[in-house]
Amino acid sequence: MLLFLKNREVKNASWMIGGKVMQMLLGLFVGVLTARYLGPSDYGLINYAATYTAFFSSLCSLGINSVIIKDFVDNPGEQGTSIGTTFVLRFISSVLSMVTIFAAVNLIDSGEEITIAVVMLSSLSLLFHIFDTLNCWFHYKYMAKIVAISSCIAYTAVAIYKITLLVLEKDIRWFAFSTSVDYIVIAVVLMIVYFKNGGPRFRFSWSKGKKLLAKSYPYILSGMMVAVYAQTDKIMIKHMMNSADVGYYSTASAICSMWTFVLAAIIDAIFPTIYRVYRTDQDMFERKNRQLYAIVIYLSLAVSVGFIILGEPVIWILYGEEYIPAASSLKIITFGTVFSYLGIARHAWIVCKNMQKHLTTISLFAAIANVMMNCLLIPAIGIDGAALASVMVQFFTCFVVPIFIKGMRPNIRLMVEAFLLKNVFKEK
């Protein structure tokens, strides 16, 4: 599948994948030890806390990362202003989000002091999420090598920190704070590397902020809706079942996601090319999108078949016998990867075609449908119901809902052609 990519894209993707492999191995090793140490109940509580952070991270990002690379392409002389303005806007939204999380968890989990403490310690990471904007600049410059090396250094430091917690047998609150440590270390490393590689000075501009928000606001709304259908399942499982079931479900999700860095790296590597060719060659623009969709489809399906066959042995080897109840959910939720990453992959097409306004409609449907389906399926079949609801909603938002939106139909055609491998291999 990587034969579809140009040499520059292959090098960029290779460095990103290589870096992510290192991160995955470290994260998997430490994550498995942590899950075994905490047990399903406390591990579930850690992941329950993570749902709050994940939900508000979409709001904190303000959707700007989805449009800022194109802004770099269109306004190369304003890169420092774009990044600096994004930092300020995202910092303000992060502080407001933390205040909202504090109010929400005290209301929803009133009286559960450990739960409240774990959620708030985990939410500190939102303050340092803002620095992932620098990744967009490195991707724009095809400098994934730098990002990969920097991330490996940061993740190694964090892995050492987490292993220290295990050796010292610290309680769950220390592990909740470790999420924030991830982003603190990465933020420091990225800032150092950014300036050492000639990154422009940061500047703030209200006019630039207004322009970025005007383009990104549909991503704010859609991101919040995506967060609803991506995160409410764990919240509903905890309150309709218990923390241990959240632990099982989170284990299935973690295993399903442990390879998706490959897809993310390929998508990030191809996006700058898609943005560039849109302005010069429409045939190549469509072909690049088809190639990207084909990679996502066939890699995802191949891995899903592997999880169907090897799901239980993988869980038993990695997490131990007490996590075996996660196997059935893993075999269901794995098929959601193809639809969720097709949704991510189409962002470049959406930005180029200025179709961001439709994301709100699609995501609103997804949020409402997911909550309704979880209410029906979780009481009926437990965590398998949450997994089934997730896959069904992702399928509908990827292929069905866009059919009813005229402007999105050409993108559905490209996805179908990618599945059929029609005009995918041909190059000029």
Protein backbone atom coordinates (compact mmCIF):
# COMPACT_ATOMS: atom_id res chain seq x y z
CA MET A 1 0.00 0.00 0.00
CA LEU A 2 2.86 2.43 0.72
CA LEU A 3 3.84 2.12 -2.95
CA PHE A 4 1.12 4.74 -3.60
CA LEU A 5 3.24 7.39 -1.87
CA LYS A 6 5.92 9.64 -3.30
CA ASN A 7 9.49 9.39 -1.97
CA ARG A 8 9.10 12.47 0.23
CA GLU A 9 5.82 11.15 1.62
CA VAL A 10 7.36 7.72 2.22
CA LYS A 11 10.30 9.21 4.14
CA ASN A 12 7.98 11.43 6.16
CA ALA A 13 5.60 8.55 6.93
CA SER A 14 8.48 6.18 7.69
CA TRP A 15 9.91 8.48 10.33
CA MET A 16 6.50 9.04 11.88
CA ILE A 17 5.76 5.32 11.89
CA GLY A 18 9.22 4.51 13.26
CA GLY A 19 8.79 7.03 16.05
CA LYS A 20 5.31 5.77 16.84
CA VAL A 21 6.54 2.17 16.94
CA MET A 22 9.01 3.16 19.64
CA GLN A 23 6.27 5.01 21.53
CA MET A 24 3.88 2.10 21.13
CA LEU A 25 6.37 -0.42 22.48
CA LEU A 26 7.15 1.77 25.48
CA GLY A 27 3.49 2.62 26.02
CA LEU A 28 2.41 -1.00 25.65
CA PHE A 29 5.03 -2.28 28.07
CA VAL A 30 4.29 0.31 30.73
CA GLY A 31 0.54 0.26 30.08
CA VAL A 32 0.31 -3.50 30.52
CA LEU A 33 2.30 -3.37 33.76
CA THR A 34 0.06 -0.55 34.98
CA ALA A 35 -3.14 -2.41 34.10
CA ARG A 36 -1.92 -5.54 35.86
CA TYR A 37 -0.85 -3.52 38.92
CA LEU A 38 -4.07 -1.50 39.24
CA GLY A 39 -6.52 -4.27 38.33
CA PRO A 40 -9.69 -3.86 36.22
CA SER A 41 -11.50 -1.57 38.70
CA ASP A 42 -8.78 1.08 39.23
CA TYR A 43 -7.65 0.74 35.61
CA GLY A 44 -11.24 1.43 34.62
CA LEU A 45 -11.30 4.50 36.87
CA ILE A 46 -8.16 5.86 35.19
CA ASN A 47 -9.81 5.44 31.81
CA TYR A 48 -13.06 6.93 33.10
CA ALA A 49 -11.09 10.04 34.09
CA ALA A 50 -9.47 10.06 30.66
CA THR A 51 -12.91 10.38 29.04
CA TYR A 52 -13.34 13.84 30.56
CA THR A 53 -9.96 14.93 29.25
CA ALA A 54 -10.59 13.42 25.82
CA PHE A 55 -14.00 15.04 25.62
CA PHE A 56 -12.71 18.52 26.38
CA SER A 57 -9.49 18.15 24.37
CA SER A 58 -11.60 18.47 21.20
CA LEU A 59 -13.00 21.74 22.54
CA CYS A 60 -9.56 22.95 23.67
CA SER A 61 -8.06 22.35 20.22
CA LEU A 62 -10.66 24.75 18.75
CA GLY A 63 -10.44 22.71 15.56
CA ILE A 64 -7.46 24.81 14.46
CA ASN A 65 -5.09 21.88 13.91
CA SER A 66 -7.42 20.70 11.13
CA VAL A 67 -6.90 23.90 9.13
CA ILE A 68 -3.55 25.32 10.19
CA ILE A 69 -1.42 23.32 7.73
CA LYS A 70 -3.45 24.75 4.86
CA ASP A 71 -2.96 28.18 6.41
CA PHE A 72 0.81 27.57 6.34
CA VAL A 73 0.52 26.69 2.64
CA ASP A 74 -1.62 29.72 1.79
CA ASN A 75 0.25 32.22 4.03
CA PRO A 76 3.87 31.04 4.40
CA GLY A 77 4.99 34.40 5.81
CA GLU A 78 2.54 34.24 8.72
CA GLN A 79 3.52 30.90 10.25
CA GLY A 80 4.80 32.36 13.54
CA THR A 81 1.65 34.45 13.92
CA SER A 82 -0.57 31.44 13.22
CA ILE A 83 1.19 29.29 15.83
CA GLY A 84 1.42 32.03 18.48
CA THR A 85 -2.22 32.99 18.06
CA THR A 86 -3.26 29.35 18.28
CA PHE A 87 -1.31 28.94 21.52
CA VAL A 88 -3.12 31.86 23.18
CA LEU A 89 -6.58 30.83 22.03
CA ARG A 90 -6.08 27.21 23.04
CA PHE A 91 -4.66 28.16 26.46
CA ILE A 92 -7.77 30.20 27.25
CA SER A 93 -10.06 27.36 26.16
CA SER A 94 -8.02 24.86 28.22
CA VAL A 95 -8.40 26.85 31.43
CA LEU A 96 -12.14 27.23 30.88
CA SER A 97 -12.40 23.50 30.16
CA MET A 98 -10.66 22.56 33.40
CA VAL A 99 -13.08 24.72 35.37
CA THR A 100 -15.99 23.03 33.59
CA ILE A 101 -14.59 19.56 34.29
CA PHE A 102 -14.26 20.40 37.99
CA ALA A 103 -17.89 21.48 38.15
CA ALA A 104 -19.12 18.49 36.14
CA VAL A 105 -17.28 15.76 38.07
CA ASN A 106 -18.38 17.24 41.41
CA LEU A 107 -21.95 17.07 40.19
CA ILE A 108 -21.91 13.67 38.46
CA ASP A 109 -19.65 11.87 40.95
CA SER A 110 -20.62 13.77 44.07
CA GLY A 111 -19.07 12.30 47.19
CA GLU A 112 -16.54 10.10 45.36
CA GLU A 113 -13.36 11.84 46.47
CA ILE A 114 -10.94 9.46 44.75
CA THR A 115 -12.83 9.73 41.46
CA ILE A 116 -12.85 13.54 41.63
CA ALA A 117 -9.13 13.66 42.44
CA VAL A 118 -8.22 11.26 39.62
CA VAL A 119 -10.29 13.22 37.08
CA MET A 120 -8.78 16.59 38.03
CA LEU A 121 -5.19 15.31 38.04
CA SER A 122 -5.75 13.81 34.61
CA SER A 123 -7.31 17.03 33.28
CA LEU A 124 -4.11 19.02 33.97
CA SER A 125 -2.81 17.61 30.68
CA LEU A 126 -5.18 19.95 28.82
CA LEU A 127 -2.89 22.88 29.60
CA PHE A 128 -0.06 21.22 27.68
CA HIS A 129 -2.13 19.92 24.77
CA ILE A 130 -1.64 23.29 23.10
CA PHE A 131 1.92 22.43 22.11
CA ASP A 132 0.82 19.68 19.72
CA THR A 133 0.27 22.57 17.28
CA LEU A 134 4.03 22.46 16.68
CA ASN A 135 3.59 18.99 15.19
CA CYS A 136 1.55 20.58 12.40
CA TRP A 137 4.47 22.87 11.54
CA PHE A 138 6.91 19.97 11.42
CA HIS A 139 4.53 17.99 9.19
CA TYR A 140 4.16 20.99 6.89
CA LYS A 141 7.96 21.12 6.60
CA TYR A 142 8.18 17.34 5.99
CA MET A 143 10.37 17.16 9.12
CA ALA A 144 8.77 14.12 10.72
CA LYS A 145 12.26 12.82 11.59
CA ILE A 146 12.60 15.57 14.19
CA VAL A 147 9.16 14.91 15.65
CA ALA A 148 9.87 11.19 15.85
CA ILE A 149 13.19 11.58 17.66
CA SER A 150 11.82 14.25 20.01
CA SER A 151 8.77 12.16 20.86
CA CYS A 152 10.90 9.09 21.57
CA ILE A 153 13.03 11.08 24.01
CA ALA A 154 9.93 12.38 25.76
CA TYR A 155 8.18 9.03 25.92
CA THR A 156 11.30 7.36 27.29
CA ALA A 157 11.43 9.87 30.13
CA VAL A 158 7.74 9.36 30.86
CA ALA A 159 8.13 5.57 30.78
CA ILE A 160 10.87 5.83 33.38
CA TYR A 161 8.58 7.97 35.53
CA LYS A 162 5.74 5.43 35.30
CA ILE A 163 8.00 2.48 36.04
CA THR A 164 9.21 4.37 39.12
CA LEU A 165 5.58 4.63 40.27
CA LEU A 166 5.21 0.88 39.90
CA VAL A 167 8.41 0.14 41.81
CA LEU A 168 7.41 2.50 44.63
CA GLU A 169 3.85 1.08 44.58
CA LYS A 170 2.19 4.49 44.40
CA ASP A 171 -1.60 4.81 44.47
CA ILE A 172 -3.97 5.60 41.62
CA ARG A 173 -3.66 9.39 41.93
CA TRP A 174 0.00 9.30 40.91
CA PHE A 175 -0.94 7.34 37.79
CA ALA A 176 -3.64 9.89 36.97
CA PHE A 177 -1.04 12.67 37.06
CA SER A 178 1.28 10.67 34.80
CA THR A 179 -1.01 11.53 31.87
CA SER A 180 -0.11 15.18 32.39
CA VAL A 181 3.59 14.31 32.65
CA ASP A 182 3.39 12.90 29.10
CA TYR A 183 2.37 16.25 27.66
CA ILE A 184 4.66 18.33 29.88
CA VAL A 185 7.79 16.49 28.71
CA ILE A 186 6.68 16.44 25.07
CA ALA A 187 5.89 20.18 25.22
CA VAL A 188 9.37 21.03 26.53
CA VAL A 189 11.13 18.86 23.95
CA LEU A 190 9.07 20.17 21.02
CA MET A 191 9.70 23.79 21.99
CA ILE A 192 13.46 23.24 22.18
CA VAL A 193 13.58 21.41 18.85
CA TYR A 194 11.28 23.93 17.15
CA PHE A 195 13.57 26.90 17.83
CA LYS A 196 16.73 24.90 17.10
CA ASN A 197 15.35 24.19 13.64
CA GLY A 198 14.59 27.76 12.73
CA GLY A 199 10.97 27.96 13.76
CA PRO A 200 9.59 31.51 13.37
CA ARG A 201 8.97 33.65 16.46
CA PHE A 202 5.54 33.41 17.99
CA ARG A 203 3.24 36.37 17.61
CA PHE A 204 -0.36 36.99 18.55
CA SER A 205 -2.93 38.63 16.30
CA TRP A 206 -6.64 39.00 16.91
CA SER A 207 -7.26 39.28 13.17
CA LYS A 208 -5.38 36.02 12.53
CA GLY A 209 -7.30 34.42 15.38
CA LYS A 210 -10.61 35.47 13.83
CA LYS A 211 -9.56 34.08 10.44
CA LEU A 212 -8.45 30.74 11.90
CA LEU A 213 -11.60 30.40 14.01
CA ALA A 214 -13.79 31.31 11.04
CA LYS A 215 -12.35 28.30 9.20
CA SER A 216 -12.12 25.97 12.16
CA TYR A 217 -15.33 26.58 14.09
CA PRO A 218 -17.15 23.71 12.33
CA TYR A 219 -14.40 21.44 13.68
CA ILE A 220 -15.06 22.71 17.21
CA LEU A 221 -18.70 21.67 17.03
CA SER A 222 -18.00 18.45 15.18
CA GLY A 223 -15.13 17.66 17.54
CA MET A 224 -17.42 18.02 20.53
CA MET A 225 -20.01 15.80 18.90
CA VAL A 226 -17.33 13.24 18.02
CA ALA A 227 -16.19 13.34 21.64
CA VAL A 228 -19.74 12.64 22.77
CA TYR A 229 -20.04 9.45 20.73
CA ALA A 230 -16.40 8.47 21.35
CA GLN A 231 -16.36 8.99 25.12
CA THR A 232 -19.89 8.75 26.54
CA ASP A 233 -19.82 4.96 26.26
CA LYS A 234 -17.26 4.71 29.11
CA ILE A 235 -19.19 7.18 31.24
CA MET A 236 -22.41 5.25 30.66
CA ILE A 237 -20.72 1.91 31.35
CA LYS A 238 -19.43 3.19 34.71
CA HIS A 239 -22.81 4.48 35.83
CA MET A 240 -24.90 1.68 34.32
CA MET A 241 -22.45 -1.10 35.28
CA ASN A 242 -19.18 -0.53 37.21
CA SER A 243 -15.54 0.59 36.99
CA ALA A 244 -14.29 -2.94 36.28
CA ASP A 245 -16.39 -3.10 33.12
CA VAL A 246 -14.92 0.24 32.09
CA GLY A 247 -11.53 -1.45 32.55
CA TYR A 248 -12.49 -4.36 30.28
CA TYR A 249 -13.91 -2.05 27.62
CA SER A 250 -10.88 0.24 27.82
CA THR A 251 -8.59 -2.76 27.40
CA ALA A 252 -10.40 -3.75 24.21
CA SER A 253 -10.18 -0.18 22.92
CA ALA A 254 -6.49 0.09 23.82
CA ILE A 255 -5.55 -3.11 22.00
CA CYS A 256 -7.63 -2.10 19.01
CA SER A 257 -5.87 1.28 18.88
CA MET A 258 -2.31 0.16 19.55
CA TRP A 259 -1.49 -0.07 15.84
CA THR A 260 -3.47 2.94 14.54
CA PHE A 261 -0.43 5.19 14.80
CA VAL A 262 0.48 3.67 11.41
CA LEU A 263 -2.71 5.07 9.88
CA ALA A 264 -2.25 8.40 11.64
CA ALA A 265 1.31 8.70 10.36
CA ILE A 266 0.34 7.91 6.78
CA ILE A 267 -2.55 10.38 6.91
CA ASP A 268 -0.33 13.14 8.33
CA ALA A 269 2.31 12.42 5.70
CA ILE A 270 -0.10 12.69 2.76
CA PHE A 271 -2.18 15.67 3.92
CA PRO A 272 0.37 18.36 2.91
CA THR A 273 0.58 16.86 -0.60
CA ILE A 274 -3.21 16.79 -0.94
CA TYR A 275 -3.39 20.46 0.04
CA ARG A 276 -0.70 21.39 -2.50
CA VAL A 277 -2.01 19.44 -5.51
CA TYR A 278 -5.55 20.74 -4.99
CA ARG A 279 -4.39 24.11 -6.28
CA THR A 280 -2.70 22.72 -9.39
CA ASP A 281 -4.04 19.31 -10.44
CA GLN A 282 -7.60 18.14 -9.71
CA ASP A 283 -7.05 14.67 -11.15
CA MET A 284 -4.06 14.13 -8.89
CA PHE A 285 -6.03 15.58 -5.99
CA GLU A 286 -8.73 12.93 -6.38
CA ARG A 287 -6.19 10.17 -6.95
CA LYS A 288 -4.27 11.05 -3.79
CA ASN A 289 -7.50 10.94 -1.80
CA ARG A 290 -8.41 7.54 -3.29
CA GLN A 291 -4.96 6.22 -2.49
CA LEU A 292 -5.20 7.41 1.10
CA TYR A 293 -8.65 5.85 1.54
CA ALA A 294 -7.49 2.55 0.02
CA ILE A 295 -4.58 2.35 2.46
CA VAL A 296 -6.90 2.99 5.41
CA ILE A 297 -9.51 0.47 4.25
CA TYR A 298 -7.28 -2.50 3.49
CA LEU A 299 -4.83 -2.08 6.37
CA SER A 300 -7.73 -1.76 8.82
CA LEU A 301 -9.55 -4.80 7.50
CA ALA A 302 -6.41 -6.92 7.57
CA VAL A 303 -5.70 -6.02 11.20
CA SER A 304 -9.35 -6.58 12.17
CA VAL A 305 -9.24 -10.13 10.83
CA GLY A 306 -6.09 -10.69 12.88
CA PHE A 307 -7.84 -9.53 16.06
CA ILE A 308 -10.79 -11.81 15.34
CA ILE A 309 -8.44 -14.79 15.23
CA LEU A 310 -5.97 -13.83 17.95
CA GLY A 311 -7.99 -11.55 20.25
CA GLU A 312 -8.16 -13.79 23.31
CA PRO A 313 -4.52 -14.97 23.23
CA VAL A 314 -3.36 -11.35 22.85
CA ILE A 315 -5.35 -10.24 25.90
CA TRP A 316 -4.24 -13.24 27.97
CA ILE A 317 -0.55 -12.72 27.14
CA LEU A 318 -0.55 -8.96 27.64
CA TYR A 319 -3.04 -8.28 30.41
CA GLY A 320 -3.58 -11.60 32.12
CA GLU A 321 -6.54 -13.87 32.67
CA GLU A 322 -8.58 -11.35 34.67
CA TYR A 323 -8.95 -9.18 31.54
CA ILE A 324 -10.28 -11.99 29.30
CA PRO A 325 -13.85 -10.54 29.46
CA ALA A 326 -12.54 -7.81 27.11
CA ALA A 327 -12.06 -10.29 24.23
CA SER A 328 -15.62 -10.26 22.88
CA SER A 329 -15.71 -6.45 22.80
CA LEU A 330 -12.34 -6.36 21.03
CA LYS A 331 -13.65 -8.57 18.22
CA ILE A 332 -16.51 -6.14 17.65
CA ILE A 333 -14.91 -2.76 18.15
CA THR A 334 -11.93 -3.53 15.89
CA PHE A 335 -14.13 -3.03 12.81
CA GLY A 336 -14.79 0.54 13.82
CA THR A 337 -11.20 1.47 12.99
CA VAL A 338 -11.75 1.50 9.23
CA PHE A 339 -14.71 3.88 9.49
CA SER A 340 -13.23 6.18 12.13
CA TYR A 341 -9.96 6.63 10.20
CA LEU A 342 -11.74 7.13 6.91
CA GLY A 343 -13.49 9.97 8.70
CA ILE A 344 -10.13 11.40 9.71
CA ALA A 345 -8.62 10.85 6.27
CA ARG A 346 -11.38 12.83 4.54
CA HIS A 347 -10.53 15.99 6.50
CA ALA A 348 -8.06 17.12 3.82
CA TRP A 349 -10.76 16.80 1.13
CA ILE A 350 -13.24 18.64 3.34
CA VAL A 351 -10.86 21.54 4.03
CA CYS A 352 -9.89 21.90 0.37
CA LYS A 353 -13.53 21.82 -0.75
CA ASN A 354 -14.56 24.16 2.09
CA MET A 355 -17.17 21.66 3.31
CA GLN A 356 -16.47 22.10 7.03
CA LYS A 357 -20.02 23.27 7.70
CA HIS A 358 -21.34 19.75 7.04
CA LEU A 359 -19.23 18.25 9.83
CA THR A 360 -21.62 19.68 12.41
CA THR A 361 -24.60 17.86 10.90
CA ILE A 362 -22.73 14.58 10.61
CA SER A 363 -21.30 14.75 14.10
CA LEU A 364 -24.60 15.81 15.68
CA PHE A 365 -26.24 12.71 14.24
CA ALA A 366 -23.38 10.57 15.54
CA ALA A 367 -23.61 11.99 19.06
CA ILE A 368 -27.37 11.56 19.35
CA ALA A 369 -27.36 8.09 17.74
CA ASN A 370 -24.54 6.84 19.95
CA VAL A 371 -26.18 7.90 23.19
CA MET A 372 -29.50 6.35 22.16
CA MET A 373 -27.90 3.09 21.01
CA ASN A 374 -25.80 2.81 24.16
CA CYS A 375 -28.93 3.30 26.27
CA LEU A 376 -30.52 0.37 24.41
CA LEU A 377 -27.57 -1.98 23.99
CA ILE A 378 -25.55 -1.64 27.22
CA PRO A 379 -28.41 -2.90 29.44
CA ALA A 380 -29.07 -5.70 26.94
CA ILE A 381 -25.57 -7.07 26.23
CA GLY A 382 -23.22 -5.06 28.45
CA ILE A 383 -19.90 -3.76 27.12
CA ASP A 384 -20.40 -5.67 23.86
CA GLY A 385 -23.40 -3.39 23.33
CA ALA A 386 -21.21 -0.32 23.68
CA ALA A 387 -18.76 -1.79 21.16
CA LEU A 388 -21.54 -2.60 18.68
CA ALA A 389 -23.07 0.86 19.07
CA SER A 390 -19.69 2.46 18.35
CA VAL A 391 -19.12 0.49 15.14
CA MET A 392 -22.64 1.07 13.82
CA VAL A 393 -22.52 4.80 14.44
CA GLN A 394 -19.10 5.13 12.79
CA PHE A 395 -20.35 3.29 9.71
CA PHE A 396 -23.41 5.50 9.37
CA THR A 397 -21.46 8.73 9.82
CA CYS A 398 -18.85 7.65 7.30
CA PHE A 399 -21.03 6.26 4.50
CA VAL A 400 -24.75 6.76 5.11
CA VAL A 401 -25.32 10.26 6.49
CA PRO A 402 -23.09 11.99 3.87
CA ILE A 403 -25.28 10.50 1.11
CA PHE A 404 -28.03 12.87 2.20
CA ILE A 405 -25.68 15.87 1.95
CA LYS A 406 -25.24 16.87 -1.69
CA GLY A 407 -21.82 18.45 -1.27
CA MET A 408 -20.42 15.33 0.42
CA ARG A 409 -21.52 12.80 -2.20
CA PRO A 410 -18.36 13.16 -4.35
CA ASN A 411 -16.32 12.11 -1.31
CA ILE A 412 -18.43 8.97 -0.88
CA ARG A 413 -17.72 8.19 -4.55
CA LEU A 414 -13.97 8.47 -3.90
CA MET A 415 -14.23 6.12 -0.92
CA VAL A 416 -16.19 3.53 -2.90
CA GLU A 417 -13.70 3.76 -5.76
CA ALA A 418 -10.87 3.31 -3.25
CA PHE A 419 -12.52 0.16 -1.91
CA LEU A 420 -12.84 -1.14 -5.49
CA LEU A 421 -9.25 0.01 -6.21
CA LYS A 422 -10.57 2.02 -9.16
CA ASN A 423 -8.06 4.61 -10.45
CA VAL A 424 -5.92 4.08 -7.39
CA PHE A 425 -2.68 2.77 -8.88
CA LYS A 426 -2.54 4.99 -11.96
CA GLU A 427 -0.03 7.83 -11.75
CA LYS A 428 0.85 10.53 -14.25
